[in-house]
PDB file of all heavy atoms in Angstrom:
ATOM      1  N   ALA A   1     -26.265 -44.039   1.377  1.00  0.00           N
ATOM      2  CA  ALA A   1     -26.772 -45.123   2.226  1.00  0.00           C
ATOM      3  C   ALA A   1     -28.237 -45.425   1.933  1.00  0.00           C
ATOM      4  O   ALA A   1     -28.660 -46.586   1.895  1.00  0.00           O
ATOM      5  CB  ALA A   1     -26.574 -44.748   3.695  1.00  0.00           C
ATOM      6  N   ALA A   2     -29.055 -44.385   1.743  1.00  0.00           N
ATOM      7  CA  ALA A   2     -30.478 -44.598   1.444  1.00  0.00           C
ATOM      8  C   ALA A   2     -30.642 -45.312   0.106  1.00  0.00           C
ATOM      9  O   ALA A   2     -31.456 -46.240  -0.013  1.00  0.00           O
ATOM     10  CB  ALA A   2     -31.222 -43.245   1.445  1.00  0.00           C
ATOM     11  N   SER A   3     -29.838 -44.906  -0.865  1.00  0.00           N
ATOM     12  CA  SER A   3     -29.927 -45.557  -2.175  1.00  0.00           C
ATOM     13  C   SER A   3     -29.517 -47.013  -2.090  1.00  0.00           C
ATOM     14  O   SER A   3     -30.112 -47.893  -2.716  1.00  0.00           O
ATOM     15  CB  SER A   3     -29.044 -44.822  -3.183  1.00  0.00           C
ATOM     16  OG  SER A   3     -29.479 -43.466  -3.336  1.00  0.00           O
ATOM     17  N   ALA A   4     -28.489 -47.310  -1.282  1.00  0.00           N
ATOM     18  CA  ALA A   4     -28.022 -48.687  -1.132  1.00  0.00           C
ATOM     19  C   ALA A   4     -29.105 -49.542  -0.453  1.00  0.00           C
ATOM     20  O   ALA A   4     -29.328 -50.721  -0.856  1.00  0.00           O
ATOM     21  CB  ALA A   4     -26.738 -48.710  -0.332  1.00  0.00           C
ATOM     22  N   ILE A   5     -29.763 -48.984   0.514  1.00  0.00           N
ATOM     23  CA  ILE A   5     -30.839 -49.770   1.185  1.00  0.00           C
ATOM     24  C   ILE A   5     -31.967 -50.073   0.207  1.00  0.00           C
ATOM     25  O   ILE A   5     -32.481 -51.183   0.176  1.00  0.00           O
ATOM     26  CB  ILE A   5     -31.348 -48.975   2.396  1.00  0.00           C
ATOM     27  CG1 ILE A   5     -30.238 -48.898   3.473  1.00  0.00           C
ATOM     28  CG2 ILE A   5     -32.596 -49.647   2.965  1.00  0.00           C
ATOM     29  CD1 ILE A   5     -30.596 -48.007   4.625  1.00  0.00           C
ATOM     30  N   ILE A   6     -32.366 -49.102  -0.564  1.00  0.00           N
ATOM     31  CA  ILE A   6     -33.450 -49.326  -1.550  1.00  0.00           C
ATOM     32  C   ILE A   6     -33.028 -50.356  -2.579  1.00  0.00           C
ATOM     33  O   ILE A   6     -33.805 -51.218  -2.954  1.00  0.00           O
ATOM     34  CB  ILE A   6     -33.825 -47.995  -2.193  1.00  0.00           C
ATOM     35  CG1 ILE A   6     -34.466 -47.059  -1.133  1.00  0.00           C
ATOM     36  CG2 ILE A   6     -34.802 -48.209  -3.348  1.00  0.00           C
ATOM     37  CD1 ILE A   6     -34.772 -45.680  -1.672  1.00  0.00           C
ATOM     38  N   ALA A   7     -31.780 -50.276  -3.048  1.00  0.00           N
ATOM     39  CA  ALA A   7     -31.306 -51.253  -4.043  1.00  0.00           C
ATOM     40  C   ALA A   7     -31.263 -52.640  -3.438  1.00  0.00           C
ATOM     41  O   ALA A   7     -31.566 -53.646  -4.136  1.00  0.00           O
ATOM     42  CB  ALA A   7     -29.897 -50.841  -4.525  1.00  0.00           C
ATOM     43  N   LEU A   8     -30.891 -52.729  -2.172  1.00  0.00           N
ATOM     44  CA  LEU A   8     -30.885 -54.040  -1.531  1.00  0.00           C
ATOM     45  C   LEU A   8     -32.281 -54.633  -1.437  1.00  0.00           C
ATOM     46  O   LEU A   8     -32.488 -55.822  -1.703  1.00  0.00           O
ATOM     47  CB  LEU A   8     -30.273 -53.902  -0.136  1.00  0.00           C
ATOM     48  CG  LEU A   8     -30.193 -55.192   0.690  1.00  0.00           C
ATOM     49  CD1 LEU A   8     -29.298 -56.219  -0.021  1.00  0.00           C
ATOM     50  CD2 LEU A   8     -29.661 -54.902   2.099  1.00  0.00           C
ATOM     51  N   ILE A   9     -33.240 -53.808  -1.093  1.00  0.00           N
ATOM     52  CA  ILE A   9     -34.632 -54.285  -1.029  1.00  0.00           C
ATOM     53  C   ILE A   9     -35.108 -54.777  -2.387  1.00  0.00           C
ATOM     54  O   ILE A   9     -35.757 -55.811  -2.521  1.00  0.00           O
ATOM     55  CB  ILE A   9     -35.542 -53.190  -0.471  1.00  0.00           C
ATOM     56  CG1 ILE A   9     -35.179 -52.898   0.990  1.00  0.00           C
ATOM     57  CG2 ILE A   9     -37.013 -53.589  -0.602  1.00  0.00           C
ATOM     58  CD1 ILE A   9     -35.921 -51.714   1.560  1.00  0.00           C
ATOM     59  N   ALA A  10     -34.780 -54.034  -3.424  1.00  0.00           N
ATOM     60  CA  ALA A  10     -35.172 -54.397  -4.772  1.00  0.00           C
ATOM     61  C   ALA A  10     -34.515 -55.720  -5.180  1.00  0.00           C
ATOM     62  O   ALA A  10     -35.138 -56.590  -5.810  1.00  0.00           O
ATOM     63  CB  ALA A  10     -34.798 -53.297  -5.759  1.00  0.00           C
ATOM     64  N   ALA A  11     -33.248 -55.899  -4.832  1.00  0.00           N
ATOM     65  CA  ALA A  11     -32.579 -57.138  -5.188  1.00  0.00           C
ATOM     66  C   ALA A  11     -33.208 -58.328  -4.483  1.00  0.00           C
ATOM     67  O   ALA A  11     -33.353 -59.412  -5.067  1.00  0.00           O
ATOM     68  CB  ALA A  11     -31.093 -57.032  -4.857  1.00  0.00           C
ATOM     69  N   VAL A  12     -33.570 -58.135  -3.248  1.00  0.00           N
ATOM     70  CA  VAL A  12     -34.222 -59.221  -2.498  1.00  0.00           C
ATOM     71  C   VAL A  12     -35.562 -59.599  -3.145  1.00  0.00           C
ATOM     72  O   VAL A  12     -35.880 -60.792  -3.284  1.00  0.00           O
ATOM     73  CB  VAL A  12     -34.391 -58.833  -1.020  1.00  0.00           C
ATOM     74  CG1 VAL A  12     -35.261 -59.843  -0.286  1.00  0.00           C
ATOM     75  CG2 VAL A  12     -33.019 -58.708  -0.345  1.00  0.00           C
ATOM     76  N   MET A  13     -36.324 -58.625  -3.538  1.00  0.00           N
ATOM     77  CA  MET A  13     -37.628 -58.904  -4.167  1.00  0.00           C
ATOM     78  C   MET A  13     -37.440 -59.637  -5.498  1.00  0.00           C
ATOM     79  O   MET A  13     -38.181 -60.571  -5.797  1.00  0.00           O
ATOM     80  CB  MET A  13     -38.385 -57.596  -4.386  1.00  0.00           C
ATOM     81  CG  MET A  13     -38.806 -56.902  -3.063  1.00  0.00           C
ATOM     82  SD  MET A  13     -39.668 -55.369  -3.336  1.00  0.00           S
ATOM     83  CE  MET A  13     -41.092 -55.913  -4.228  1.00  0.00           C
ATOM     84  N   ILE A  14     -36.468 -59.179  -6.287  1.00  0.00           N
ATOM     85  CA  ILE A  14     -36.241 -59.848  -7.587  1.00  0.00           C
ATOM     86  C   ILE A  14     -35.773 -61.276  -7.358  1.00  0.00           C
ATOM     87  O   ILE A  14     -36.198 -62.217  -8.049  1.00  0.00           O
ATOM     88  CB  ILE A  14     -35.212 -59.039  -8.400  1.00  0.00           C
ATOM     89  CG1 ILE A  14     -35.822 -57.692  -8.807  1.00  0.00           C
ATOM     90  CG2 ILE A  14     -34.808 -59.823  -9.627  1.00  0.00           C
ATOM     91  CD1 ILE A  14     -34.833 -56.764  -9.507  1.00  0.00           C
ATOM     92  N   GLY A  15     -34.934 -61.485  -6.402  1.00  0.00           N
ATOM     93  CA  GLY A  15     -34.467 -62.845  -6.124  1.00  0.00           C
ATOM     94  C   GLY A  15     -35.607 -63.748  -5.669  1.00  0.00           C
ATOM     95  O   GLY A  15     -35.703 -64.900  -6.081  1.00  0.00           O
ATOM     96  N   TRP A  16     -36.468 -63.221  -4.788  1.00  0.00           N
ATOM     97  CA  TRP A  16     -37.627 -64.012  -4.363  1.00  0.00           C
ATOM     98  C   TRP A  16     -38.559 -64.367  -5.481  1.00  0.00           C
ATOM     99  O   TRP A  16     -39.069 -65.485  -5.554  1.00  0.00           O
ATOM    100  CB  TRP A  16     -38.348 -63.254  -3.242  1.00  0.00           C
ATOM    101  CG  TRP A  16     -39.626 -63.925  -2.819  1.00  0.00           C
ATOM    102  CD1 TRP A  16     -40.882 -63.569  -3.104  1.00  0.00           C
ATOM    103  CD2 TRP A  16     -39.725 -65.124  -2.059  1.00  0.00           C
ATOM    104  NE1 TRP A  16     -41.779 -64.425  -2.570  1.00  0.00           N
ATOM    105  CE2 TRP A  16     -41.067 -65.393  -1.902  1.00  0.00           C
ATOM    106  CE3 TRP A  16     -38.731 -65.972  -1.483  1.00  0.00           C
ATOM    107  CZ2 TRP A  16     -41.520 -66.514  -1.188  1.00  0.00           C
ATOM    108  CZ3 TRP A  16     -39.191 -67.046  -0.755  1.00  0.00           C
ATOM    109  CH2 TRP A  16     -40.586 -67.324  -0.631  1.00  0.00           C
ATOM    110  N   TRP A  17     -38.724 -63.408  -6.396  1.00  0.00           N
ATOM    111  CA  TRP A  17     -39.608 -63.687  -7.554  1.00  0.00           C
ATOM    112  C   TRP A  17     -39.028 -64.786  -8.427  1.00  0.00           C
ATOM    113  O   TRP A  17     -39.755 -65.665  -8.902  1.00  0.00           O
ATOM    114  CB  TRP A  17     -39.802 -62.411  -8.381  1.00  0.00           C
ATOM    115  CG  TRP A  17     -40.503 -62.653  -9.676  1.00  0.00           C
ATOM    116  CD1 TRP A  17     -41.836 -62.792  -9.890  1.00  0.00           C
ATOM    117  CD2 TRP A  17     -39.884 -62.811 -10.954  1.00  0.00           C
ATOM    118  NE1 TRP A  17     -42.093 -63.044 -11.199  1.00  0.00           N
ATOM    119  CE2 TRP A  17     -40.915 -63.044 -11.889  1.00  0.00           C
ATOM    120  CE3 TRP A  17     -38.547 -62.760 -11.394  1.00  0.00           C
ATOM    121  CZ2 TRP A  17     -40.649 -63.255 -13.242  1.00  0.00           C
ATOM    122  CZ3 TRP A  17     -38.301 -62.954 -12.750  1.00  0.00           C
ATOM    123  CH2 TRP A  17     -39.347 -63.218 -13.650  1.00  0.00           C
ATOM    124  N   PHE A  18     -37.685 -64.749  -8.623  1.00  0.00           N
ATOM    125  CA  PHE A  18     -37.052 -65.750  -9.472  1.00  0.00           C
ATOM    126  C   PHE A  18     -37.147 -67.117  -8.837  1.00  0.00           C
ATOM    127  O   PHE A  18     -37.424 -68.126  -9.485  1.00  0.00           O
ATOM    128  CB  PHE A  18     -35.613 -65.355  -9.723  1.00  0.00           C
ATOM    129  CG  PHE A  18     -34.887 -66.297 -10.615  1.00  0.00           C
ATOM    130  CD1 PHE A  18     -35.088 -66.307 -11.982  1.00  0.00           C
ATOM    131  CD2 PHE A  18     -33.971 -67.211 -10.064  1.00  0.00           C
ATOM    132  CE1 PHE A  18     -34.406 -67.223 -12.781  1.00  0.00           C
ATOM    133  CE2 PHE A  18     -33.289 -68.115 -10.871  1.00  0.00           C
ATOM    134  CZ  PHE A  18     -33.497 -68.123 -12.228  1.00  0.00           C
ATOM    135  N   ILE A  19     -36.913 -67.190  -7.503  1.00  0.00           N
ATOM    136  CA  ILE A  19     -36.994 -68.481  -6.825  1.00  0.00           C
ATOM    137  C   ILE A  19     -38.414 -69.057  -6.902  1.00  0.00           C
ATOM    138  O   ILE A  19     -38.626 -70.245  -7.129  1.00  0.00           O
ATOM    139  CB  ILE A  19     -36.527 -68.339  -5.382  1.00  0.00           C
ATOM    140  CG1 ILE A  19     -35.036 -67.990  -5.315  1.00  0.00           C
ATOM    141  CG2 ILE A  19     -36.791 -69.603  -4.564  1.00  0.00           C
ATOM    142  CD1 ILE A  19     -34.546 -67.627  -3.944  1.00  0.00           C
ATOM    143  N   ARG A  20     -39.386 -68.182  -6.702  1.00  0.00           N
ATOM    144  CA  ARG A  20     -40.797 -68.605  -6.769  1.00  0.00           C
ATOM    145  C   ARG A  20     -41.174 -69.080  -8.163  1.00  0.00           C
ATOM    146  O   ARG A  20     -41.934 -70.035  -8.335  1.00  0.00           O
ATOM    147  CB  ARG A  20     -41.684 -67.453  -6.346  1.00  0.00           C
ATOM    148  CG  ARG A  20     -43.156 -67.815  -6.199  1.00  0.00           C
ATOM    149  CD  ARG A  20     -43.868 -66.695  -5.480  1.00  0.00           C
ATOM    150  NE  ARG A  20     -45.294 -66.962  -5.383  1.00  0.00           N
ATOM    151  CZ  ARG A  20     -46.203 -66.540  -6.246  1.00  0.00           C
ATOM    152  NH1 ARG A  20     -45.798 -65.803  -7.289  1.00  0.00           N
ATOM    153  NH2 ARG A  20     -47.451 -66.852  -6.077  1.00  0.00           N
ATOM    154  N   LEU A  21     -40.661 -68.406  -9.191  1.00  0.00           N
ATOM    155  CA  LEU A  21     -40.941 -68.802 -10.578  1.00  0.00           C
ATOM    156  C   LEU A  21     -40.403 -70.185 -10.860  1.00  0.00           C
ATOM    157  O   LEU A  21     -41.087 -71.019 -11.469  1.00  0.00           O
ATOM    158  CB  LEU A  21     -40.337 -67.760 -11.522  1.00  0.00           C
ATOM    159  CG  LEU A  21     -40.485 -68.070 -12.999  1.00  0.00           C
ATOM    160  CD1 LEU A  21     -41.970 -68.050 -13.418  1.00  0.00           C
ATOM    161  CD2 LEU A  21     -39.711 -67.035 -13.843  1.00  0.00           C
ATOM    162  N   VAL A  22     -39.159 -70.432 -10.402  1.00  0.00           N
ATOM    163  CA  VAL A  22     -38.581 -71.757 -10.628  1.00  0.00           C
ATOM    164  C   VAL A  22     -39.342 -72.826  -9.856  1.00  0.00           C
ATOM    165  O   VAL A  22     -39.570 -73.963 -10.340  1.00  0.00           O
ATOM    166  CB  VAL A  22     -37.089 -71.746 -10.251  1.00  0.00           C
ATOM    167  CG1 VAL A  22     -36.488 -73.144 -10.353  1.00  0.00           C
ATOM    168  CG2 VAL A  22     -36.318 -70.786 -11.142  1.00  0.00           C
ATOM    169  N   TRP A  23     -39.771 -72.489  -8.680  1.00  0.00           N
ATOM    170  CA  TRP A  23     -40.460 -73.457  -7.825  1.00  0.00           C
ATOM    171  C   TRP A  23     -41.848 -73.849  -8.399  1.00  0.00           C
ATOM    172  O   TRP A  23     -42.246 -75.007  -8.338  1.00  0.00           O
ATOM    173  CB  TRP A  23     -40.615 -72.902  -6.428  1.00  0.00           C
ATOM    174  CG  TRP A  23     -41.257 -73.835  -5.454  1.00  0.00           C
ATOM    175  CD1 TRP A  23     -42.563 -73.892  -5.111  1.00  0.00           C
ATOM    176  CD2 TRP A  23     -40.618 -74.870  -4.763  1.00  0.00           C
ATOM    177  NE1 TRP A  23     -42.795 -74.880  -4.201  1.00  0.00           N
ATOM    178  CE2 TRP A  23     -41.597 -75.518  -3.978  1.00  0.00           C
ATOM    179  CE3 TRP A  23     -39.269 -75.353  -4.719  1.00  0.00           C
ATOM    180  CZ2 TRP A  23     -41.281 -76.619  -3.150  1.00  0.00           C
ATOM    181  CZ3 TRP A  23     -38.984 -76.409  -3.895  1.00  0.00           C
ATOM    182  CH2 TRP A  23     -39.982 -77.039  -3.131  1.00  0.00           C
ATOM    183  N   THR A  24     -42.550 -72.891  -8.964  1.00  0.00           N
ATOM    184  CA  THR A  24     -43.917 -73.133  -9.478  1.00  0.00           C
ATOM    185  C   THR A  24     -43.946 -73.366 -10.975  1.00  0.00           C
ATOM    186  O   THR A  24     -45.029 -73.405 -11.562  1.00  0.00           O
ATOM    187  CB  THR A  24     -44.831 -71.942  -9.145  1.00  0.00           C
ATOM    188  OG1 THR A  24     -44.299 -70.752  -9.744  1.00  0.00           O
ATOM    189  CG2 THR A  24     -44.959 -71.751  -7.651  1.00  0.00           C
ATOM    190  N   SER A  25     -42.825 -73.491 -11.594  1.00  0.00           N
ATOM    191  CA  SER A  25     -42.821 -73.673 -13.054  1.00  0.00           C
ATOM    192  C   SER A  25     -43.527 -74.921 -13.535  1.00  0.00           C
ATOM    193  O   SER A  25     -44.229 -74.886 -14.562  1.00  0.00           O
ATOM    194  CB  SER A  25     -41.377 -73.630 -13.569  1.00  0.00           C
ATOM    195  OG  SER A  25     -40.611 -74.652 -12.977  1.00  0.00           O
ATOM    196  N   PRO A  26     -43.445 -76.068 -12.864  1.00  0.00           N
ATOM    197  CA  PRO A  26     -44.190 -77.249 -13.350  1.00  0.00           C
ATOM    198  C   PRO A  26     -45.718 -77.014 -13.389  1.00  0.00           C
ATOM    199  O   PRO A  26     -46.383 -77.374 -14.364  1.00  0.00           O
ATOM    200  CB  PRO A  26     -43.778 -78.347 -12.375  1.00  0.00           C
ATOM    201  CG  PRO A  26     -42.479 -77.915 -11.822  1.00  0.00           C
ATOM    202  CD  PRO A  26     -42.568 -76.425 -11.734  1.00  0.00           C
ATOM    203  N   HIS A  27     -46.187 -76.411 -12.329  1.00  0.00           N
ATOM    204  CA  HIS A  27     -47.644 -76.133 -12.292  1.00  0.00           C
ATOM    205  C   HIS A  27     -48.044 -75.119 -13.355  1.00  0.00           C
ATOM    206  O   HIS A  27     -49.094 -75.242 -14.002  1.00  0.00           O
ATOM    207  CB  HIS A  27     -48.035 -75.636 -10.914  1.00  0.00           C
ATOM    208  CG  HIS A  27     -49.480 -75.259 -10.793  1.00  0.00           C
ATOM    209  ND1 HIS A  27     -50.486 -76.204 -10.817  1.00  0.00           N
ATOM    210  CD2 HIS A  27     -50.086 -74.053 -10.672  1.00  0.00           C
ATOM    211  CE1 HIS A  27     -51.635 -75.592 -10.705  1.00  0.00           C
ATOM    212  NE2 HIS A  27     -51.435 -74.276 -10.626  1.00  0.00           N
ATOM    213  N   SER A  28     -47.194 -74.135 -13.552  1.00  0.00           N
ATOM    214  CA  SER A  28     -47.494 -73.114 -14.571  1.00  0.00           C
ATOM    215  C   SER A  28     -47.515 -73.713 -15.968  1.00  0.00           C
ATOM    216  O   SER A  28     -48.375 -73.384 -16.784  1.00  0.00           O
ATOM    217  CB  SER A  28     -46.456 -71.994 -14.496  1.00  0.00           C
ATOM    218  OG  SER A  28     -46.497 -71.372 -13.243  1.00  0.00           O
ATOM    219  N   VAL A  29     -46.579 -74.584 -16.223  1.00  0.00           N
ATOM    220  CA  VAL A  29     -46.541 -75.233 -17.547  1.00  0.00           C
ATOM    221  C   VAL A  29     -47.754 -76.109 -17.742  1.00  0.00           C
ATOM    222  O   VAL A  29     -48.413 -76.105 -18.818  1.00  0.00           O
ATOM    223  CB  VAL A  29     -45.245 -76.050 -17.693  1.00  0.00           C
ATOM    224  CG1 VAL A  29     -45.289 -76.870 -18.967  1.00  0.00           C
ATOM    225  CG2 VAL A  29     -44.034 -75.133 -17.686  1.00  0.00           C
ATOM    226  N   THR A  30     -48.140 -76.842 -16.679  1.00  0.00           N
ATOM    227  CA  THR A  30     -49.341 -77.669 -16.800  1.00  0.00           C
ATOM    228  C   THR A  30     -50.590 -76.838 -17.041  1.00  0.00           C
ATOM    229  O   THR A  30     -51.459 -77.169 -17.846  1.00  0.00           O
ATOM    230  CB  THR A  30     -49.487 -78.518 -15.531  1.00  0.00           C
ATOM    231  OG1 THR A  30     -48.315 -79.279 -15.316  1.00  0.00           O
ATOM    232  CG2 THR A  30     -50.697 -79.431 -15.631  1.00  0.00           C
ATOM    233  N   ARG A  31     -50.687 -75.725 -16.303  1.00  0.00           N
ATOM    234  CA  ARG A  31     -51.853 -74.862 -16.457  1.00  0.00           C
ATOM    235  C   ARG A  31     -51.887 -74.245 -17.854  1.00  0.00           C
ATOM    236  O   ARG A  31     -52.961 -74.082 -18.435  1.00  0.00           O
ATOM    237  CB  ARG A  31     -51.810 -73.786 -15.398  1.00  0.00           C
ATOM    238  CG  ARG A  31     -53.031 -72.883 -15.373  1.00  0.00           C
ATOM    239  CD  ARG A  31     -52.998 -71.954 -14.204  1.00  0.00           C
ATOM    240  NE  ARG A  31     -51.771 -71.145 -14.233  1.00  0.00           N
ATOM    241  CZ  ARG A  31     -51.449 -70.259 -13.284  1.00  0.00           C
ATOM    242  NH1 ARG A  31     -52.211 -70.131 -12.217  1.00  0.00           N
ATOM    243  NH2 ARG A  31     -50.309 -69.580 -13.388  1.00  0.00           N
ATOM    244  N   TYR A  32     -50.729 -73.921 -18.396  1.00  0.00           N
ATOM    245  CA  TYR A  32     -50.705 -73.349 -19.729  1.00  0.00           C
ATOM    246  C   TYR A  32     -51.251 -74.323 -20.775  1.00  0.00           C
ATOM    247  O   TYR A  32     -52.073 -73.976 -21.601  1.00  0.00           O
ATOM    248  CB  TYR A  32     -49.268 -72.940 -20.074  1.00  0.00           C
ATOM    249  CG  TYR A  32     -49.063 -72.610 -21.530  1.00  0.00           C
ATOM    250  CD1 TYR A  32     -49.497 -71.409 -22.040  1.00  0.00           C
ATOM    251  CD2 TYR A  32     -48.435 -73.525 -22.382  1.00  0.00           C
ATOM    252  CE1 TYR A  32     -49.332 -71.121 -23.392  1.00  0.00           C
ATOM    253  CE2 TYR A  32     -48.246 -73.236 -23.737  1.00  0.00           C
ATOM    254  CZ  TYR A  32     -48.708 -72.026 -24.218  1.00  0.00           C
ATOM    255  OH  TYR A  32     -48.539 -71.732 -25.530  1.00  0.00           O
ATOM    256  N   PHE A  33     -50.769 -75.573 -20.712  1.00  0.00           N
ATOM    257  CA  PHE A  33     -51.211 -76.544 -21.682  1.00  0.00           C
ATOM    258  C   PHE A  33     -52.701 -76.905 -21.460  1.00  0.00           C
ATOM    259  O   PHE A  33     -53.423 -77.166 -22.404  1.00  0.00           O
ATOM    260  CB  PHE A  33     -50.342 -77.818 -21.609  1.00  0.00           C
ATOM    261  CG  PHE A  33     -49.016 -77.618 -22.259  1.00  0.00           C
ATOM    262  CD1 PHE A  33     -47.842 -77.512 -21.485  1.00  0.00           C
ATOM    263  CD2 PHE A  33     -48.877 -77.568 -23.631  1.00  0.00           C
ATOM    264  CE1 PHE A  33     -46.609 -77.351 -22.095  1.00  0.00           C
ATOM    265  CE2 PHE A  33     -47.650 -77.402 -24.238  1.00  0.00           C
ATOM    266  CZ  PHE A  33     -46.491 -77.282 -23.447  1.00  0.00           C
ATOM    267  N   ARG A  34     -53.138 -76.878 -20.184  1.00  0.00           N
ATOM    268  CA  ARG A  34     -54.564 -77.151 -19.919  1.00  0.00           C
ATOM    269  C   ARG A  34     -55.435 -76.041 -20.488  1.00  0.00           C
ATOM    270  O   ARG A  34     -56.483 -76.314 -21.084  1.00  0.00           O
ATOM    271  CB  ARG A  34     -54.755 -77.280 -18.422  1.00  0.00           C
ATOM    272  CG  ARG A  34     -56.177 -77.691 -18.050  1.00  0.00           C
ATOM    273  CD  ARG A  34     -56.322 -77.698 -16.533  1.00  0.00           C
ATOM    274  NE  ARG A  34     -55.367 -78.625 -15.947  1.00  0.00           N
ATOM    275  CZ  ARG A  34     -54.900 -78.511 -14.714  1.00  0.00           C
ATOM    276  NH1 ARG A  34     -55.266 -77.479 -13.956  1.00  0.00           N
ATOM    277  NH2 ARG A  34     -54.038 -79.405 -14.240  1.00  0.00           N
ATOM    278  N   ALA A  35     -55.032 -74.801 -20.312  1.00  0.00           N
ATOM    279  CA  ALA A  35     -55.793 -73.704 -20.885  1.00  0.00           C
ATOM    280  C   ALA A  35     -55.795 -73.737 -22.387  1.00  0.00           C
ATOM    281  O   ALA A  35     -56.847 -73.461 -23.033  1.00  0.00           O
ATOM    282  CB  ALA A  35     -55.213 -72.362 -20.391  1.00  0.00           C
ATOM    283  N   ARG A  36     -54.690 -74.119 -22.977  1.00  0.00           N
ATOM    284  CA  ARG A  36     -54.653 -74.246 -24.423  1.00  0.00           C
ATOM    285  C   ARG A  36     -55.574 -75.343 -24.910  1.00  0.00           C
ATOM    286  O   ARG A  36     -56.306 -75.177 -25.886  1.00  0.00           O
ATOM    287  CB  ARG A  36     -53.226 -74.512 -24.855  1.00  0.00           C
ATOM    288  CG  ARG A  36     -53.047 -74.589 -26.347  1.00  0.00           C
ATOM    289  CD  ARG A  36     -51.606 -74.885 -26.716  1.00  0.00           C
ATOM    290  NE  ARG A  36     -51.429 -75.026 -28.155  1.00  0.00           N
ATOM    291  CZ  ARG A  36     -50.302 -75.380 -28.745  1.00  0.00           C
ATOM    292  NH1 ARG A  36     -49.212 -75.656 -28.004  1.00  0.00           N
ATOM    293  NH2 ARG A  36     -50.247 -75.478 -30.060  1.00  0.00           N
ATOM    294  N   LYS A  37     -55.623 -76.458 -24.173  1.00  0.00           N
ATOM    295  CA  LYS A  37     -56.502 -77.560 -24.533  1.00  0.00           C
ATOM    296  C   LYS A  37     -57.983 -77.140 -24.380  1.00  0.00           C
ATOM    297  O   LYS A  37     -58.825 -77.474 -25.233  1.00  0.00           O
ATOM    298  CB  LYS A  37     -56.196 -78.749 -23.641  1.00  0.00           C
ATOM    299  CG  LYS A  37     -57.031 -79.981 -23.938  1.00  0.00           C
ATOM    300  CD  LYS A  37     -56.620 -81.133 -23.002  1.00  0.00           C
ATOM    301  CE  LYS A  37     -57.427 -82.385 -23.271  1.00  0.00           C
ATOM    302  NZ  LYS A  37     -57.074 -83.477 -22.321  1.00  0.00           N
ATOM    303  N   ARG A  38     -58.260 -76.423 -23.317  1.00  0.00           N
ATOM    304  CA  ARG A  38     -59.634 -75.968 -23.088  1.00  0.00           C
ATOM    305  C   ARG A  38     -60.074 -74.998 -24.195  1.00  0.00           C
ATOM    306  O   ARG A  38     -61.218 -75.062 -24.682  1.00  0.00           O
ATOM    307  CB  ARG A  38     -59.747 -75.309 -21.727  1.00  0.00           C
ATOM    308  CG  ARG A  38     -61.180 -74.889 -21.388  1.00  0.00           C
ATOM    309  CD  ARG A  38     -61.290 -74.284 -20.005  1.00  0.00           C
ATOM    310  NE  ARG A  38     -60.525 -73.049 -19.917  1.00  0.00           N
ATOM    311  CZ  ARG A  38     -59.405 -72.879 -19.221  1.00  0.00           C
ATOM    312  NH1 ARG A  38     -58.917 -73.907 -18.516  1.00  0.00           N
ATOM    313  NH2 ARG A  38     -58.780 -71.735 -19.172  1.00  0.00           N
ATOM    314  N   ASP A  39     -59.168 -74.118 -24.580  1.00  0.00           N
ATOM    315  CA  ASP A  39     -59.485 -73.201 -25.659  1.00  0.00           C
ATOM    316  C   ASP A  39     -59.789 -73.934 -26.958  1.00  0.00           C
ATOM    317  O   ASP A  39     -60.720 -73.571 -27.694  1.00  0.00           O
ATOM    318  CB  ASP A  39     -58.345 -72.209 -25.869  1.00  0.00           C
ATOM    319  CG  ASP A  39     -58.178 -71.266 -24.677  1.00  0.00           C
ATOM    320  OD1 ASP A  39     -59.147 -71.147 -23.883  1.00  0.00           O
ATOM    321  OD2 ASP A  39     -57.091 -70.681 -24.535  1.00  0.00           O
ATOM    322  N   ARG A  40     -58.986 -74.974 -27.248  1.00  0.00           N
ATOM    323  CA  ARG A  40     -59.257 -75.754 -28.451  1.00  0.00           C
ATOM    324  C   ARG A  40     -60.611 -76.466 -28.342  1.00  0.00           C
ATOM    325  O   ARG A  40     -61.341 -76.592 -29.329  1.00  0.00           O
ATOM    326  CB  ARG A  40     -58.132 -76.770 -28.646  1.00  0.00           C
ATOM    327  CG  ARG A  40     -56.794 -76.143 -29.049  1.00  0.00           C
ATOM    328  CD  ARG A  40     -55.670 -77.172 -28.984  1.00  0.00           C
ATOM    329  NE  ARG A  40     -55.998 -78.335 -29.825  1.00  0.00           N
ATOM    330  CZ  ARG A  40     -55.410 -79.523 -29.705  1.00  0.00           C
ATOM    331  NH1 ARG A  40     -54.481 -79.698 -28.747  1.00  0.00           N
ATOM    332  NH2 ARG A  40     -55.734 -80.510 -30.508  1.00  0.00           N
TER     333      ARG A  40
END
């Protein structure tokens, strides 16, 4: 039971990270190209 609870918490965290990544991906892509342009 303890192991199942810990695995559930880990799955929730991974899912939240994936949802957040998809949600902020446009800004991240824009920031990446802006940083590359600034470096150039």
